Amino acid sequence: MSASTILVVEDDNIVRMLIVDVLEELEYSVLEAADGEQALEFLGDNEQTIDLMMTDQGLPGMTGTELAVKAREKRPTLPVLFASGYAENIAVPAGMHSIGKPFSIDQLRDKVKSILEQA
């Protein structure tokens, strides 16, 4: 079985790097985007497999929620995981998930694993 591919959308370079490092250590393939526009380029490439999109809620240009809606237009079944320092305050659209920042490596691993197993 090949590794699942996760698209990480995070405008903070350091936070993104840490998330990517963790996911790569867990043997996932990772695509990185600094904003929604870049993420949508990956999502629009039908040759590119994406098993999960993990996005920050506070992105420049569009919110994580807006990005998720656009992502679902391109890929209706795409699982989405929001990472937010305000996880309790964001309305997570149906069929999507959230994890509060800061999160531990174990929390991230367990969350990603459970979402991918449901998919």
C-alpha atoms as a PDB file:
ATOM      1  CA  MET A   1       0.000   0.000   0.000  1.00  0.00           C
ATOM      2  CA  SER A   2       1.437   3.372  -0.924  1.00  0.00           C
ATOM      3  CA  ALA A   3       1.610   6.182   1.587  1.00  0.00           C
ATOM      4  CA  SER A   4      -1.332   8.523   1.856  1.00  0.00           C
ATOM      5  CA  THR A   5      -0.747  12.022   0.503  1.00  0.00           C
ATOM      6  CA  ILE A   6      -1.560  14.974   2.742  1.00  0.00           C
ATOM      7  CA  LEU A   7      -1.793  18.559   1.541  1.00  0.00           C
ATOM      8  CA  VAL A   8      -0.685  20.894   4.345  1.00  0.00           C
ATOM      9  CA  VAL A   9      -1.877  24.501   3.989  1.00  0.00           C
ATOM     10  CA  GLU A  10      -0.249  26.810   6.536  1.00  0.00           C
ATOM     11  CA  ASP A  11       1.031  30.357   6.040  1.00  0.00           C
ATOM     12  CA  ASP A  12       3.457  30.237   8.979  1.00  0.00           C
ATOM     13  CA  ASN A  13       6.634  28.701   7.522  1.00  0.00           C
ATOM     14  CA  ILE A  14       7.895  27.342  10.843  1.00  0.00           C
ATOM     15  CA  VAL A  15       4.586  25.775  11.818  1.00  0.00           C
ATOM     16  CA  ARG A  16       4.209  24.296   8.324  1.00  0.00           C
ATOM     17  CA  MET A  17       7.729  22.865   8.457  1.00  0.00           C
ATOM     18  CA  LEU A  18       7.036  21.235  11.829  1.00  0.00           C
ATOM     19  CA  ILE A  19       3.760  19.683  10.630  1.00  0.00           C
ATOM     20  CA  VAL A  20       5.412  18.449   7.429  1.00  0.00           C
ATOM     21  CA  ASP A  21       8.314  16.945   9.403  1.00  0.00           C
ATOM     22  CA  VAL A  22       5.934  15.091  11.699  1.00  0.00           C
ATOM     23  CA  LEU A  23       3.812  13.760   8.842  1.00  0.00           C
ATOM     24  CA  GLU A  24       6.875  12.685   6.858  1.00  0.00           C
ATOM     25  CA  GLU A  25       8.235  10.870   9.922  1.00  0.00           C
ATOM     26  CA  LEU A  26       4.903   9.044  10.025  1.00  0.00           C
ATOM     27  CA  GLU A  27       5.646   8.054   6.399  1.00  0.00           C
ATOM     28  CA  TYR A  28       2.997  10.145   4.686  1.00  0.00           C
ATOM     29  CA  SER A  29       3.680  11.909   1.407  1.00  0.00           C
ATOM     30  CA  VAL A  30       3.278  15.638   1.976  1.00  0.00           C
ATOM     31  CA  LEU A  31       2.456  18.548  -0.332  1.00  0.00           C
ATOM     32  CA  GLU A  32       2.984  22.038   1.065  1.00  0.00           C
ATOM     33  CA  ALA A  33       1.047  25.214   0.339  1.00  0.00           C
ATOM     34  CA  ALA A  34       1.541  28.607   1.995  1.00  0.00           C
ATOM     35  CA  ASP A  35      -1.947  29.847   1.093  1.00  0.00           C
ATOM     36  CA  GLY A  36      -5.277  28.897  -0.401  1.00  0.00           C
ATOM     37  CA  GLU A  37      -4.336  29.805  -3.962  1.00  0.00           C
ATOM     38  CA  GLN A  38      -1.338  27.475  -3.891  1.00  0.00           C
ATOM     39  CA  ALA A  39      -3.463  24.729  -2.326  1.00  0.00           C
ATOM     40  CA  LEU A  40      -6.074  25.080  -5.072  1.00  0.00           C
ATOM     41  CA  GLU A  41      -3.366  24.594  -7.710  1.00  0.00           C
ATOM     42  CA  PHE A  42      -2.558  21.193  -6.184  1.00  0.00           C
ATOM     43  CA  LEU A  43      -6.249  20.371  -5.875  1.00  0.00           C
ATOM     44  CA  GLY A  44      -6.888  21.291  -9.492  1.00  0.00           C
ATOM     45  CA  ASP A  45      -4.234  18.857 -10.739  1.00  0.00           C
ATOM     46  CA  ASN A  46      -6.179  15.673 -11.364  1.00  0.00           C
ATOM     47  CA  GLU A  47      -2.962  13.680 -11.713  1.00  0.00           C
ATOM     48  CA  GLN A  48      -2.133  14.527  -8.086  1.00  0.00           C
ATOM     49  CA  THR A  49      -3.489  12.164  -5.435  1.00  0.00           C
ATOM     50  CA  ILE A  50      -4.547  13.943  -2.245  1.00  0.00           C
ATOM     51  CA  ASP A  51      -5.999  11.838   0.566  1.00  0.00           C
ATOM     52  CA  LEU A  52      -6.379  14.595   3.149  1.00  0.00           C
ATOM     53  CA  MET A  53      -6.087  18.372   3.273  1.00  0.00           C
ATOM     54  CA  MET A  54      -4.931  19.842   6.548  1.00  0.00           C
ATOM     55  CA  THR A  55      -5.419  23.595   6.642  1.00  0.00           C
ATOM     56  CA  ASP A  56      -4.901  26.457   9.015  1.00  0.00           C
ATOM     57  CA  GLN A  57      -8.065  28.493   9.558  1.00  0.00           C
ATOM     58  CA  GLY A  58      -6.335  31.883   9.381  1.00  0.00           C
ATOM     59  CA  LEU A  59      -4.824  32.064   5.902  1.00  0.00           C
ATOM     60  CA  PRO A  60      -3.990  35.181   3.871  1.00  0.00           C
ATOM     61  CA  GLY A  61      -6.552  35.892   1.162  1.00  0.00           C
ATOM     62  CA  MET A  62      -9.160  33.322   2.177  1.00  0.00           C
ATOM     63  CA  THR A  63     -10.078  31.484   5.349  1.00  0.00           C
ATOM     64  CA  GLY A  64      -9.505  27.786   5.794  1.00  0.00           C
ATOM     65  CA  THR A  65     -13.276  27.321   5.621  1.00  0.00           C
ATOM     66  CA  GLU A  66     -13.490  29.140   2.276  1.00  0.00           C
ATOM     67  CA  LEU A  67     -10.605  27.027   0.996  1.00  0.00           C
ATOM     68  CA  ALA A  68     -12.355  23.848   2.159  1.00  0.00           C
ATOM     69  CA  VAL A  69     -15.530  24.790   0.281  1.00  0.00           C
ATOM     70  CA  LYS A  70     -13.518  25.406  -2.913  1.00  0.00           C
ATOM     71  CA  ALA A  71     -11.538  22.200  -2.353  1.00  0.00           C
ATOM     72  CA  ARG A  72     -14.773  20.209  -2.113  1.00  0.00           C
ATOM     73  CA  GLU A  73     -15.963  21.722  -5.397  1.00  0.00           C
ATOM     74  CA  LYS A  74     -12.893  20.193  -7.031  1.00  0.00           C
ATOM     75  CA  ARG A  75     -12.773  17.024  -4.933  1.00  0.00           C
ATOM     76  CA  PRO A  76     -16.162  16.298  -3.339  1.00  0.00           C
ATOM     77  CA  THR A  77     -14.955  13.461  -1.120  1.00  0.00           C
ATOM     78  CA  LEU A  78     -11.745  15.093   0.151  1.00  0.00           C
ATOM     79  CA  PRO A  79     -11.370  14.829   3.935  1.00  0.00           C
ATOM     80  CA  VAL A  80     -10.415  18.166   5.512  1.00  0.00           C
ATOM     81  CA  LEU A  81      -8.711  18.760   8.856  1.00  0.00           C
ATOM     82  CA  PHE A  82      -8.674  22.300  10.240  1.00  0.00           C
ATOM     83  CA  ALA A  83      -5.852  23.273  12.574  1.00  0.00           C
ATOM     84  CA  SER A  84      -6.720  26.320  14.599  1.00  0.00           C
ATOM     85  CA  GLY A  85      -5.687  28.069  17.757  1.00  0.00           C
ATOM     86  CA  TYR A  86      -9.384  28.812  18.053  1.00  0.00           C
ATOM     87  CA  ALA A  87     -10.694  25.322  17.289  1.00  0.00           C
ATOM     88  CA  GLU A  88     -13.601  25.718  19.670  1.00  0.00           C
ATOM     89  CA  ASN A  89     -14.737  28.874  17.861  1.00  0.00           C
ATOM     90  CA  ILE A  90     -14.755  27.737  14.246  1.00  0.00           C
ATOM     91  CA  ALA A  91     -17.800  26.160  12.706  1.00  0.00           C
ATOM     92  CA  VAL A  92     -16.481  23.032  11.061  1.00  0.00           C
ATOM     93  CA  PRO A  93     -18.503  22.166   7.958  1.00  0.00           C
ATOM     94  CA  ALA A  94     -20.203  18.774   7.883  1.00  0.00           C
ATOM     95  CA  GLY A  95     -17.858  15.885   7.239  1.00  0.00           C
ATOM     96  CA  MET A  96     -14.775  17.881   8.202  1.00  0.00           C
ATOM     97  CA  HIS A  97     -12.571  17.700  11.265  1.00  0.00           C
ATOM     98  CA  SER A  98     -10.592  20.043  13.482  1.00  0.00           C
ATOM     99  CA  ILE A  99      -7.613  19.904  15.811  1.00  0.00           C
ATOM    100  CA  GLY A 100      -6.716  22.695  18.216  1.00  0.00           C
ATOM    101  CA  LYS A 101      -3.304  24.343  18.206  1.00  0.00           C
ATOM    102  CA  PRO A 102      -0.995  23.729  19.842  1.00  0.00           C
ATOM    103  CA  PHE A 103      -1.308  19.983  19.334  1.00  0.00           C
ATOM    104  CA  SER A 104       1.123  17.235  20.248  1.00  0.00           C
ATOM    105  CA  ILE A 105       2.725  14.939  17.691  1.00  0.00           C
ATOM    106  CA  ASP A 106       0.651  12.092  19.111  1.00  0.00           C
ATOM    107  CA  GLN A 107      -2.597  14.055  18.787  1.00  0.00           C
ATOM    108  CA  LEU A 108      -1.779  14.902  15.172  1.00  0.00           C
ATOM    109  CA  ARG A 109      -0.827  11.315  14.353  1.00  0.00           C
ATOM    110  CA  ASP A 110      -3.992   9.888  15.924  1.00  0.00           C
ATOM    111  CA  LYS A 111      -6.265  12.466  14.285  1.00  0.00           C
ATOM    112  CA  VAL A 112      -4.779  11.992  10.803  1.00  0.00           C
ATOM    113  CA  LYS A 113      -4.848   8.218  11.141  1.00  0.00           C
ATOM    114  CA  SER A 114      -8.496   8.166  12.236  1.00  0.00           C
ATOM    115  CA  ILE A 115      -9.579  10.468   9.390  1.00  0.00           C
ATOM    116  CA  LEU A 116      -7.737   8.419   6.769  1.00  0.00           C
ATOM    117  CA  GLU A 117      -9.208   5.183   8.141  1.00  0.00           C
ATOM    118  CA  GLN A 118     -12.735   6.619   7.838  1.00  0.00           C
ATOM    119  CA  ALA A 119     -12.142   7.815   4.277  1.00  0.00           C
END
